[in-house]
Amino acid sequence: MSIMMILPGSLKKWMGDNFEAECEGATVLECVDFLENKFNGFKKKIVDEKGTPSDEVLLFKNGTNILNLEGLATPIANGDEISIIPFAAGG
């Protein structure tokens, strides 16, 4: 299965200085768990203590915000891309 997790340059340190990494799983959360096993501390940057997506990032499956899909339970399949974008706040 080839599912890619993609990070912007500002976050690449979360995955060992990689912009992208292959992951495995049937859902976005399973992919995050897979990468947690490779990059210790990765999951806590993506998932909060309540088990929901962190307020610090936005996650997209093939360009669609997962909050508009099934959240972390969003199904993923071969060829999908999951992008993580830091949430920016302004004032």
N, C-alpha and C. Protein backbone atom coordinates (compact mmCIF):
# COMPACT_ATOMS: atom_id res chain seq x y z
N MET A 1 0.85 -1.18 0.00
CA MET A 1 0.00 0.00 0.00
C MET A 1 0.89 1.23 0.00
N SER A 2 0.58 2.19 -0.83
CA SER A 2 1.37 3.41 -0.91
C SER A 2 0.50 4.61 -0.58
N ILE A 3 0.58 5.02 0.67
CA ILE A 3 -0.12 6.22 1.15
C ILE A 3 0.97 7.16 1.63
N MET A 4 0.90 8.41 1.22
CA MET A 4 1.94 9.37 1.57
C MET A 4 1.42 10.39 2.57
N MET A 5 2.21 10.62 3.61
CA MET A 5 1.99 11.71 4.56
C MET A 5 2.95 12.81 4.13
N ILE A 6 2.43 14.01 3.92
CA ILE A 6 3.22 15.12 3.39
C ILE A 6 3.19 16.28 4.38
N LEU A 7 4.37 16.82 4.65
CA LEU A 7 4.51 17.96 5.56
C LEU A 7 5.17 19.13 4.84
N PRO A 8 4.85 20.36 5.24
CA PRO A 8 5.59 21.50 4.72
C PRO A 8 6.98 21.54 5.35
N GLY A 9 7.87 22.28 4.77
CA GLY A 9 9.24 22.36 5.27
C GLY A 9 9.34 22.76 6.73
N SER A 10 8.44 23.59 7.20
CA SER A 10 8.50 24.06 8.59
C SER A 10 8.21 22.94 9.59
N LEU A 11 7.61 21.84 9.14
CA LEU A 11 7.26 20.74 10.05
C LEU A 11 8.06 19.46 9.77
N LYS A 12 8.96 19.48 8.80
CA LYS A 12 9.62 18.25 8.39
C LYS A 12 10.42 17.59 9.52
N LYS A 13 10.79 18.35 10.53
CA LYS A 13 11.53 17.76 11.66
C LYS A 13 10.66 16.73 12.39
N TRP A 14 9.34 16.81 12.24
CA TRP A 14 8.43 15.85 12.89
C TRP A 14 8.63 14.44 12.34
N MET A 15 9.15 14.35 11.09
CA MET A 15 9.35 13.05 10.46
C MET A 15 10.82 12.88 10.08
N GLY A 16 11.71 13.19 11.01
CA GLY A 16 13.13 12.97 10.78
C GLY A 16 13.72 13.76 9.64
N ASP A 17 13.28 15.00 9.47
CA ASP A 17 13.72 15.90 8.41
C ASP A 17 13.27 15.47 7.01
N ASN A 18 12.16 14.74 6.96
CA ASN A 18 11.58 14.33 5.68
C ASN A 18 10.32 15.14 5.40
N PHE A 19 10.14 15.51 4.14
CA PHE A 19 8.93 16.22 3.73
C PHE A 19 7.75 15.25 3.57
N GLU A 20 8.06 13.99 3.31
CA GLU A 20 7.02 13.00 3.11
C GLU A 20 7.49 11.64 3.59
N ALA A 21 6.52 10.81 3.93
CA ALA A 21 6.83 9.45 4.37
C ALA A 21 5.65 8.56 4.00
N GLU A 22 5.96 7.33 3.61
CA GLU A 22 4.91 6.36 3.35
C GLU A 22 4.36 5.86 4.67
N CYS A 23 3.06 5.62 4.67
CA CYS A 23 2.43 5.07 5.87
C CYS A 23 1.45 3.99 5.46
N GLU A 24 1.02 3.23 6.45
CA GLU A 24 0.06 2.15 6.23
C GLU A 24 -1.10 2.31 7.19
N GLY A 25 -2.26 1.85 6.76
CA GLY A 25 -3.43 1.89 7.60
C GLY A 25 -4.69 2.01 6.77
N ALA A 26 -5.82 1.77 7.42
CA ALA A 26 -7.12 1.88 6.74
C ALA A 26 -7.77 3.23 6.97
N THR A 27 -7.25 3.99 7.97
CA THR A 27 -7.80 5.31 8.29
C THR A 27 -6.65 6.30 8.49
N VAL A 28 -7.01 7.57 8.55
CA VAL A 28 -5.99 8.59 8.82
C VAL A 28 -5.32 8.32 10.16
N LEU A 29 -6.10 7.98 11.19
CA LEU A 29 -5.52 7.71 12.50
C LEU A 29 -4.56 6.53 12.47
N GLU A 30 -4.90 5.47 11.75
CA GLU A 30 -4.00 4.33 11.65
C GLU A 30 -2.69 4.72 10.96
N CYS A 31 -2.77 5.61 10.00
CA CYS A 31 -1.55 6.10 9.34
C CYS A 31 -0.71 6.92 10.33
N VAL A 32 -1.36 7.74 11.13
CA VAL A 32 -0.66 8.52 12.16
C VAL A 32 0.01 7.57 13.16
N ASP A 33 -0.71 6.53 13.58
CA ASP A 33 -0.14 5.54 14.50
C ASP A 33 1.06 4.84 13.88
N PHE A 34 0.97 4.50 12.61
CA PHE A 34 2.08 3.86 11.90
C PHE A 34 3.32 4.75 11.95
N LEU A 35 3.12 6.04 11.69
CA LEU A 35 4.26 6.96 11.68
C LEU A 35 4.77 7.25 13.09
N GLU A 36 3.91 7.15 14.09
CA GLU A 36 4.37 7.30 15.48
C GLU A 36 5.41 6.23 15.81
N ASN A 37 5.23 5.03 15.26
CA ASN A 37 6.19 3.96 15.49
C ASN A 37 7.54 4.24 14.85
N LYS A 38 7.55 5.04 13.80
CA LYS A 38 8.80 5.40 13.12
C LYS A 38 9.41 6.69 13.67
N PHE A 39 8.54 7.62 14.05
CA PHE A 39 8.98 8.95 14.49
C PHE A 39 8.34 9.26 15.84
N ASN A 40 9.03 8.90 16.89
CA ASN A 40 8.52 9.05 18.25
C ASN A 40 8.07 10.50 18.52
N GLY A 41 6.85 10.65 19.01
CA GLY A 41 6.30 11.97 19.32
C GLY A 41 5.46 12.56 18.20
N PHE A 42 5.43 11.90 17.05
CA PHE A 42 4.68 12.41 15.90
C PHE A 42 3.19 12.54 16.22
N LYS A 43 2.61 11.51 16.82
CA LYS A 43 1.16 11.49 17.05
C LYS A 43 0.69 12.62 17.95
N LYS A 44 1.46 12.95 18.99
CA LYS A 44 1.00 13.99 19.92
C LYS A 44 0.98 15.37 19.26
N LYS A 45 1.63 15.52 18.13
CA LYS A 45 1.58 16.78 17.39
C LYS A 45 0.33 16.85 16.49
N ILE A 46 -0.26 15.68 16.21
CA ILE A 46 -1.38 15.59 15.29
C ILE A 46 -2.71 15.38 16.01
N VAL A 47 -2.67 14.60 17.10
CA VAL A 47 -3.88 14.21 17.82
C VAL A 47 -3.79 14.74 19.24
N ASP A 48 -4.86 15.41 19.71
CA ASP A 48 -4.85 15.95 21.07
C ASP A 48 -5.17 14.87 22.09
N GLU A 49 -5.17 15.25 23.36
CA GLU A 49 -5.41 14.30 24.45
C GLU A 49 -6.83 13.72 24.45
N LYS A 50 -7.74 14.37 23.72
CA LYS A 50 -9.12 13.87 23.61
C LYS A 50 -9.29 12.89 22.44
N GLY A 51 -8.22 12.70 21.68
CA GLY A 51 -8.28 11.80 20.53
C GLY A 51 -8.86 12.44 19.29
N THR A 52 -8.87 13.77 19.25
CA THR A 52 -9.36 14.50 18.08
C THR A 52 -8.19 15.22 17.42
N PRO A 53 -8.36 15.67 16.18
CA PRO A 53 -7.26 16.39 15.53
C PRO A 53 -6.84 17.61 16.36
N SER A 54 -5.56 17.81 16.47
CA SER A 54 -5.00 18.92 17.22
C SER A 54 -5.47 20.25 16.64
N ASP A 55 -5.59 21.25 17.50
CA ASP A 55 -5.92 22.61 17.05
C ASP A 55 -4.75 23.28 16.36
N GLU A 56 -3.59 22.65 16.39
CA GLU A 56 -2.37 23.24 15.84
C GLU A 56 -2.19 22.96 14.35
N VAL A 57 -2.91 21.95 13.82
CA VAL A 57 -2.71 21.57 12.42
C VAL A 57 -4.05 21.31 11.74
N LEU A 58 -4.02 21.36 10.43
CA LEU A 58 -5.13 20.95 9.59
C LEU A 58 -4.66 19.74 8.80
N LEU A 59 -5.51 18.74 8.66
CA LEU A 59 -5.18 17.54 7.89
C LEU A 59 -6.09 17.46 6.68
N PHE A 60 -5.49 17.12 5.55
CA PHE A 60 -6.22 17.01 4.30
C PHE A 60 -5.96 15.66 3.66
N LYS A 61 -7.02 15.02 3.19
CA LYS A 61 -6.91 13.80 2.39
C LYS A 61 -7.17 14.19 0.95
N ASN A 62 -6.15 14.05 0.12
CA ASN A 62 -6.27 14.40 -1.30
C ASN A 62 -6.88 15.78 -1.50
N GLY A 63 -6.49 16.74 -0.65
CA GLY A 63 -6.92 18.12 -0.78
C GLY A 63 -8.20 18.48 -0.06
N THR A 64 -8.87 17.52 0.58
CA THR A 64 -10.10 17.79 1.31
C THR A 64 -9.84 17.71 2.81
N ASN A 65 -10.23 18.74 3.53
CA ASN A 65 -10.04 18.76 4.98
C ASN A 65 -10.76 17.56 5.60
N ILE A 66 -10.05 16.79 6.43
CA ILE A 66 -10.67 15.59 7.01
C ILE A 66 -11.83 15.93 7.95
N LEU A 67 -11.88 17.17 8.43
CA LEU A 67 -13.01 17.58 9.28
C LEU A 67 -14.31 17.62 8.48
N ASN A 68 -14.19 17.75 7.14
CA ASN A 68 -15.36 17.70 6.27
C ASN A 68 -15.66 16.28 5.81
N LEU A 69 -14.84 15.33 6.24
CA LEU A 69 -15.04 13.92 5.91
C LEU A 69 -15.43 13.20 7.20
N GLU A 70 -14.61 12.25 7.64
CA GLU A 70 -14.91 11.50 8.86
C GLU A 70 -13.85 11.72 9.93
N GLY A 71 -13.19 12.87 9.89
CA GLY A 71 -12.16 13.17 10.87
C GLY A 71 -11.03 12.16 10.80
N LEU A 72 -10.48 11.80 11.94
CA LEU A 72 -9.38 10.84 11.98
C LEU A 72 -9.80 9.45 11.53
N ALA A 73 -11.11 9.18 11.51
CA ALA A 73 -11.62 7.89 11.03
C ALA A 73 -11.81 7.85 9.52
N THR A 74 -11.41 8.92 8.83
CA THR A 74 -11.53 8.97 7.38
C THR A 74 -10.78 7.81 6.74
N PRO A 75 -11.45 7.02 5.91
CA PRO A 75 -10.78 5.91 5.24
C PRO A 75 -9.72 6.41 4.25
N ILE A 76 -8.64 5.65 4.16
CA ILE A 76 -7.60 5.95 3.19
C ILE A 76 -7.29 4.69 2.40
N ALA A 77 -6.75 4.89 1.21
CA ALA A 77 -6.47 3.77 0.32
C ALA A 77 -5.21 4.03 -0.47
N ASN A 78 -4.74 3.02 -1.13
CA ASN A 78 -3.55 3.11 -1.96
C ASN A 78 -3.63 4.32 -2.89
N GLY A 79 -2.57 5.11 -2.90
CA GLY A 79 -2.51 6.29 -3.76
C GLY A 79 -2.95 7.58 -3.09
N ASP A 80 -3.54 7.50 -1.91
CA ASP A 80 -3.98 8.71 -1.21
C ASP A 80 -2.80 9.50 -0.65
N GLU A 81 -3.02 10.80 -0.52
CA GLU A 81 -2.05 11.68 0.12
C GLU A 81 -2.73 12.37 1.30
N ILE A 82 -2.04 12.37 2.42
CA ILE A 82 -2.51 13.07 3.61
C ILE A 82 -1.53 14.21 3.84
N SER A 83 -2.02 15.42 3.78
CA SER A 83 -1.18 16.61 3.98
C SER A 83 -1.48 17.22 5.33
N ILE A 84 -0.42 17.66 5.99
CA ILE A 84 -0.56 18.32 7.29
C ILE A 84 -0.09 19.75 7.11
N ILE A 85 -0.94 20.68 7.48
CA ILE A 85 -0.64 22.11 7.34
C ILE A 85 -0.75 22.74 8.72
N PRO A 86 0.27 23.52 9.14
CA PRO A 86 0.14 24.18 10.45
C PRO A 86 -0.98 25.20 10.39
N PHE A 87 -1.75 25.27 11.47
CA PHE A 87 -2.84 26.22 11.56
C PHE A 87 -2.24 27.58 11.88
N ALA A 88 -2.62 28.57 11.13
CA ALA A 88 -2.10 29.93 11.36
C ALA A 88 -3.22 30.81 11.89
N ALA A 89 -2.88 31.56 12.90
CA ALA A 89 -3.84 32.49 13.47
C ALA A 89 -3.30 33.90 13.31
N GLY A 90 -4.18 34.80 13.12
CA GLY A 90 -3.78 36.19 12.95
C GLY A 90 -4.57 37.09 13.88
N GLY A 91 -4.19 38.30 13.87
CA GLY A 91 -4.89 39.20 14.76
C GLY A 91 -5.06 40.56 14.16
